[in-house]
Amino acid sequence: MHWFRNARYAIALVVMPLAGIGFATQIGDHSTLYIATIYLMLAGMVVLTLGLAYADKSLTE
């Protein structure tokens, strides 16, 4: 796998928790359901990114 593909996955996996931390500073402004939905979507994006990275690595080898 090329280094820039690894870099893209690494950047995505760093940005998503940062988005969650940034959102956590605004928790008081939103309902509990909204907060749960956002964090489930962030968790889903992390899982999807890891799955794509694994598939990309296994298919190119």
N, C-alpha and C. Protein backbone atom coordinates (compact mmCIF):
# COMPACT_ATOMS: atom_id res chain seq x y z
N MET A 1 0.85 -1.17 0.00
CA MET A 1 0.00 0.00 0.00
C MET A 1 0.90 1.23 0.00
N HIS A 2 0.51 2.21 -0.75
CA HIS A 2 1.31 3.42 -0.84
C HIS A 2 1.23 4.23 0.45
N TRP A 3 2.26 5.01 0.69
CA TRP A 3 2.33 5.77 1.94
C TRP A 3 1.20 6.79 2.04
N PHE A 4 0.75 7.35 0.90
CA PHE A 4 -0.30 8.37 1.00
C PHE A 4 -1.65 7.75 1.36
N ARG A 5 -1.86 6.50 1.04
CA ARG A 5 -3.10 5.84 1.48
C ARG A 5 -3.06 5.65 2.99
N ASN A 6 -1.93 5.23 3.49
CA ASN A 6 -1.79 5.10 4.95
C ASN A 6 -1.99 6.45 5.62
N ALA A 7 -1.44 7.49 5.03
CA ALA A 7 -1.57 8.83 5.60
C ALA A 7 -3.03 9.28 5.62
N ARG A 8 -3.77 8.98 4.56
CA ARG A 8 -5.19 9.35 4.53
C ARG A 8 -5.96 8.67 5.64
N TYR A 9 -5.73 7.38 5.84
CA TYR A 9 -6.42 6.67 6.90
C TYR A 9 -6.01 7.19 8.27
N ALA A 10 -4.73 7.46 8.45
CA ALA A 10 -4.25 7.99 9.74
C ALA A 10 -4.85 9.35 10.04
N ILE A 11 -4.91 10.21 9.04
CA ILE A 11 -5.49 11.54 9.24
C ILE A 11 -6.96 11.42 9.58
N ALA A 12 -7.69 10.57 8.88
CA ALA A 12 -9.11 10.38 9.16
C ALA A 12 -9.32 9.88 10.58
N LEU A 13 -8.48 8.94 11.03
CA LEU A 13 -8.64 8.39 12.37
C LEU A 13 -8.22 9.38 13.46
N VAL A 14 -7.44 10.37 13.12
CA VAL A 14 -7.09 11.42 14.09
C VAL A 14 -8.16 12.50 14.12
N VAL A 15 -8.70 12.84 12.97
CA VAL A 15 -9.68 13.93 12.89
C VAL A 15 -11.00 13.55 13.57
N MET A 16 -11.42 12.29 13.43
CA MET A 16 -12.72 11.90 14.01
C MET A 16 -12.78 12.04 15.53
N PRO A 17 -11.79 11.56 16.29
CA PRO A 17 -11.84 11.81 17.73
C PRO A 17 -11.73 13.30 18.07
N LEU A 18 -10.98 14.05 17.28
CA LEU A 18 -10.92 15.49 17.52
C LEU A 18 -12.28 16.14 17.32
N ALA A 19 -13.03 15.67 16.33
CA ALA A 19 -14.38 16.18 16.12
C ALA A 19 -15.26 15.84 17.32
N GLY A 20 -15.08 14.64 17.86
CA GLY A 20 -15.84 14.25 19.05
C GLY A 20 -15.50 15.09 20.25
N ILE A 21 -14.23 15.40 20.42
CA ILE A 21 -13.80 16.27 21.53
C ILE A 21 -14.35 17.68 21.33
N GLY A 22 -14.27 18.17 20.10
CA GLY A 22 -14.83 19.49 19.82
C GLY A 22 -16.31 19.53 20.06
N PHE A 23 -17.01 18.47 19.70
CA PHE A 23 -18.45 18.42 19.94
C PHE A 23 -18.75 18.34 21.42
N ALA A 24 -17.89 17.66 22.19
CA ALA A 24 -18.12 17.50 23.63
C ALA A 24 -18.12 18.84 24.36
N THR A 25 -17.44 19.83 23.81
CA THR A 25 -17.45 21.15 24.45
C THR A 25 -18.79 21.85 24.28
N GLN A 26 -19.62 21.35 23.37
CA GLN A 26 -20.93 21.96 23.12
C GLN A 26 -22.08 21.08 23.60
N ILE A 27 -21.81 20.11 24.46
CA ILE A 27 -22.84 19.14 24.85
C ILE A 27 -24.04 19.81 25.52
N GLY A 28 -23.84 20.81 26.31
CA GLY A 28 -24.95 21.45 27.01
C GLY A 28 -25.96 22.09 26.09
N ASP A 29 -25.60 22.33 24.84
CA ASP A 29 -26.50 23.00 23.90
C ASP A 29 -27.40 22.04 23.14
N HIS A 30 -27.27 20.73 23.35
CA HIS A 30 -28.00 19.75 22.55
C HIS A 30 -28.70 18.71 23.43
N SER A 31 -29.71 18.05 22.85
CA SER A 31 -30.44 17.01 23.58
C SER A 31 -29.60 15.74 23.67
N THR A 32 -29.98 14.87 24.58
CA THR A 32 -29.27 13.61 24.78
C THR A 32 -29.35 12.73 23.54
N LEU A 33 -30.50 12.69 22.89
CA LEU A 33 -30.65 11.89 21.67
C LEU A 33 -29.73 12.39 20.57
N TYR A 34 -29.62 13.69 20.43
CA TYR A 34 -28.74 14.27 19.41
C TYR A 34 -27.28 13.92 19.70
N ILE A 35 -26.89 14.01 20.94
CA ILE A 35 -25.51 13.68 21.34
C ILE A 35 -25.21 12.22 21.07
N ALA A 36 -26.14 11.34 21.44
CA ALA A 36 -25.95 9.91 21.20
C ALA A 36 -25.85 9.62 19.71
N THR A 37 -26.68 10.28 18.91
CA THR A 37 -26.65 10.08 17.46
C THR A 37 -25.31 10.51 16.88
N ILE A 38 -24.80 11.64 17.29
CA ILE A 38 -23.52 12.14 16.78
C ILE A 38 -22.39 11.18 17.13
N TYR A 39 -22.35 10.73 18.39
CA TYR A 39 -21.27 9.83 18.79
C TYR A 39 -21.39 8.46 18.14
N LEU A 40 -22.60 7.97 17.89
CA LEU A 40 -22.76 6.71 17.16
C LEU A 40 -22.31 6.87 15.72
N MET A 41 -22.59 8.02 15.11
CA MET A 41 -22.13 8.26 13.75
C MET A 41 -20.61 8.35 13.71
N LEU A 42 -19.99 9.01 14.67
CA LEU A 42 -18.53 9.08 14.73
C LEU A 42 -17.93 7.68 14.91
N ALA A 43 -18.53 6.88 15.78
CA ALA A 43 -18.03 5.51 15.98
C ALA A 43 -18.18 4.70 14.70
N GLY A 44 -19.29 4.87 14.01
CA GLY A 44 -19.50 4.18 12.74
C GLY A 44 -18.47 4.59 11.70
N MET A 45 -18.14 5.87 11.67
CA MET A 45 -17.13 6.33 10.71
C MET A 45 -15.76 5.74 11.03
N VAL A 46 -15.43 5.62 12.31
CA VAL A 46 -14.16 5.01 12.69
C VAL A 46 -14.12 3.55 12.25
N VAL A 47 -15.20 2.82 12.52
CA VAL A 47 -15.27 1.41 12.13
C VAL A 47 -15.19 1.28 10.61
N LEU A 48 -15.91 2.12 9.89
CA LEU A 48 -15.88 2.07 8.43
C LEU A 48 -14.49 2.38 7.90
N THR A 49 -13.83 3.36 8.47
CA THR A 49 -12.47 3.71 8.03
C THR A 49 -11.50 2.56 8.29
N LEU A 50 -11.60 1.95 9.46
CA LEU A 50 -10.74 0.80 9.76
C LEU A 50 -11.03 -0.36 8.81
N GLY A 51 -12.31 -0.59 8.51
CA GLY A 51 -12.67 -1.64 7.58
C GLY A 51 -12.15 -1.38 6.18
N LEU A 52 -12.24 -0.14 5.74
CA LEU A 52 -11.71 0.21 4.42
C LEU A 52 -10.19 0.05 4.37
N ALA A 53 -9.51 0.47 5.43
CA ALA A 53 -8.06 0.33 5.48
C ALA A 53 -7.66 -1.15 5.44
N TYR A 54 -8.38 -1.98 6.18
CA TYR A 54 -8.08 -3.41 6.19
C TYR A 54 -8.33 -4.04 4.81
N ALA A 55 -9.48 -3.69 4.21
CA ALA A 55 -9.80 -4.22 2.88
C ALA A 55 -8.79 -3.76 1.84
N ASP A 56 -8.40 -2.50 1.90
CA ASP A 56 -7.44 -1.96 0.95
C ASP A 56 -6.10 -2.67 1.09
N LYS A 57 -5.70 -2.91 2.34
CA LYS A 57 -4.42 -3.60 2.57
C LYS A 57 -4.48 -5.04 2.10
N SER A 58 -5.56 -5.73 2.40
CA SER A 58 -5.64 -7.16 2.07
C SER A 58 -5.85 -7.40 0.58
N LEU A 59 -6.52 -6.48 -0.12
CA LEU A 59 -6.75 -6.66 -1.55
C LEU A 59 -5.54 -6.31 -2.39
N THR A 60 -4.69 -5.41 -1.90
CA THR A 60 -3.53 -4.99 -2.68
C THR A 60 -2.31 -5.87 -2.45
N GLU A 61 -2.36 -6.75 -1.47
CA GLU A 61 -1.21 -7.62 -1.21
C GLU A 61 -1.32 -8.93 -1.94
